[in-house]
Amino acid sequence: MKLIPEHILQNIPNLYETEDIKDPICQVKLFTPDADWTWYVIEYSKENKDICYGLVKGLETELGYFSLKELEKIKGSFGLPIERDFSFKPIKLSKVKEKL
């Protein structure tokens, strides 16, 4: 994956692994530098190596599934691709929601 290196993907919980955890950890932050969209990855499918589950902040803020392959194709209003926030440290979902 271009957006998230393999060594980071290996440490993200597999899909459904955190479903019983009330306040899971957001592992990775992806964002559009020229639009107001952000994706916080909580889980990643180690089986298909594409689908993630996490918090998406766009027109609305909601938990859901998204495809890394699709995100890699998206360009913002100025043609900039989605990027990974290199300064982001894993943080509880509740803390991310407080900052939104």
Protein backbone atom coordinates (compact mmCIF):
# COMPACT_ATOMS: atom_id res chain seq x y z
CA MET A 1 0.00 0.00 0.00
CA LYS A 2 1.21 3.44 -0.85
CA LEU A 3 -0.76 5.22 1.85
CA ILE A 4 0.21 2.99 4.75
CA PRO A 5 3.50 1.04 4.85
CA GLU A 6 3.33 -2.71 5.42
CA HIS A 7 5.10 -2.53 8.80
CA ILE A 8 2.33 -0.25 10.08
CA LEU A 9 -0.48 -2.32 8.52
CA GLN A 10 0.82 -5.40 10.35
CA ASN A 11 0.24 -3.69 13.69
CA ILE A 12 -3.34 -2.57 12.98
CA PRO A 13 -5.97 -4.91 14.44
CA ASN A 14 -7.72 -7.17 11.96
CA LEU A 15 -11.33 -6.41 10.95
CA TYR A 16 -13.81 -7.07 13.79
CA GLU A 17 -10.98 -7.59 16.28
CA THR A 18 -11.94 -4.49 18.29
CA GLU A 19 -15.74 -4.71 17.93
CA ASP A 20 -16.18 -5.49 21.65
CA ILE A 21 -13.90 -2.65 22.75
CA LYS A 22 -15.88 0.44 23.81
CA ASP A 23 -13.14 2.92 23.00
CA PRO A 24 -10.84 1.44 20.32
CA ILE A 25 -7.56 2.98 19.23
CA CYS A 26 -7.32 4.99 16.01
CA GLN A 27 -4.07 3.69 14.55
CA VAL A 28 -3.50 5.87 11.46
CA LYS A 29 -4.76 9.23 10.21
CA LEU A 30 -5.22 9.87 6.47
CA PHE A 31 -6.37 13.22 5.11
CA THR A 32 -6.87 15.36 2.03
CA PRO A 33 -4.55 18.38 2.18
CA ASP A 34 -6.84 20.40 -0.10
CA ALA A 35 -10.26 19.31 1.18
CA ASP A 36 -11.89 18.73 4.54
CA TRP A 37 -11.86 14.92 4.66
CA THR A 38 -10.07 12.73 7.21
CA TRP A 39 -9.98 8.96 7.78
CA TYR A 40 -8.91 7.41 11.08
CA VAL A 41 -8.07 3.70 10.69
CA ILE A 42 -9.09 1.46 13.60
CA GLU A 43 -9.05 -1.95 11.86
CA TYR A 44 -7.64 -3.34 8.62
CA SER A 45 -8.54 -6.50 6.69
CA LYS A 46 -5.45 -8.65 6.69
CA GLU A 47 -7.32 -11.09 4.45
CA ASN A 48 -8.03 -8.84 1.45
CA LYS A 49 -5.40 -6.17 2.30
CA ASP A 50 -7.70 -3.30 1.32
CA ILE A 51 -10.74 -2.69 3.52
CA CYS A 52 -10.44 -0.60 6.67
CA TYR A 53 -12.87 0.27 9.42
CA GLY A 54 -12.66 3.57 11.20
CA LEU A 55 -13.91 7.09 11.69
CA VAL A 56 -14.51 9.16 8.58
CA LYS A 57 -14.85 12.93 8.83
CA GLY A 58 -16.23 14.39 5.61
CA LEU A 59 -19.65 15.85 4.93
CA GLU A 60 -20.61 14.07 8.13
CA THR A 61 -18.60 12.26 10.79
CA GLU A 62 -19.34 8.55 11.09
CA LEU A 63 -17.84 5.13 11.68
CA GLY A 64 -17.68 2.91 8.63
CA TYR A 65 -15.71 0.89 6.11
CA PHE A 66 -13.49 2.29 3.36
CA SER A 67 -11.10 0.99 0.73
CA LEU A 68 -7.43 1.97 0.75
CA LYS A 69 -7.23 1.25 -2.99
CA GLU A 70 -10.06 3.71 -3.63
CA LEU A 71 -8.48 6.33 -1.37
CA GLU A 72 -5.22 6.05 -3.31
CA LYS A 73 -7.10 7.11 -6.48
CA ILE A 74 -8.80 10.17 -4.95
CA LYS A 75 -7.54 13.66 -5.68
CA GLY A 76 -8.73 16.77 -3.86
CA SER A 77 -9.94 20.02 -5.40
CA PHE A 78 -6.39 21.08 -6.30
CA GLY A 79 -5.42 17.63 -7.55
CA LEU A 80 -3.52 16.62 -4.42
CA PRO A 81 -3.66 12.97 -3.29
CA ILE A 82 -4.65 11.73 0.15
CA GLU A 83 -1.73 11.65 2.58
CA ARG A 84 -0.86 9.92 5.83
CA ASP A 85 -0.26 12.19 8.82
CA PHE A 86 3.28 11.21 9.81
CA SER A 87 3.01 13.01 13.15
CA PHE A 88 -0.16 11.15 14.20
CA LYS A 89 0.25 8.82 17.18
CA PRO A 90 -2.32 6.10 17.98
CA ILE A 91 -5.04 7.55 20.18
CA LYS A 92 -8.39 6.44 21.58
CA LEU A 93 -11.43 7.10 19.41
CA SER A 94 -13.04 9.21 22.14
CA LYS A 95 -10.05 11.57 22.12
CA VAL A 96 -10.24 11.95 18.32
CA LYS A 97 -13.96 12.75 18.56
CA GLU A 98 -13.26 15.41 21.21
CA LYS A 99 -10.94 17.21 18.76
CA LEU A 100 -13.39 17.22 15.84
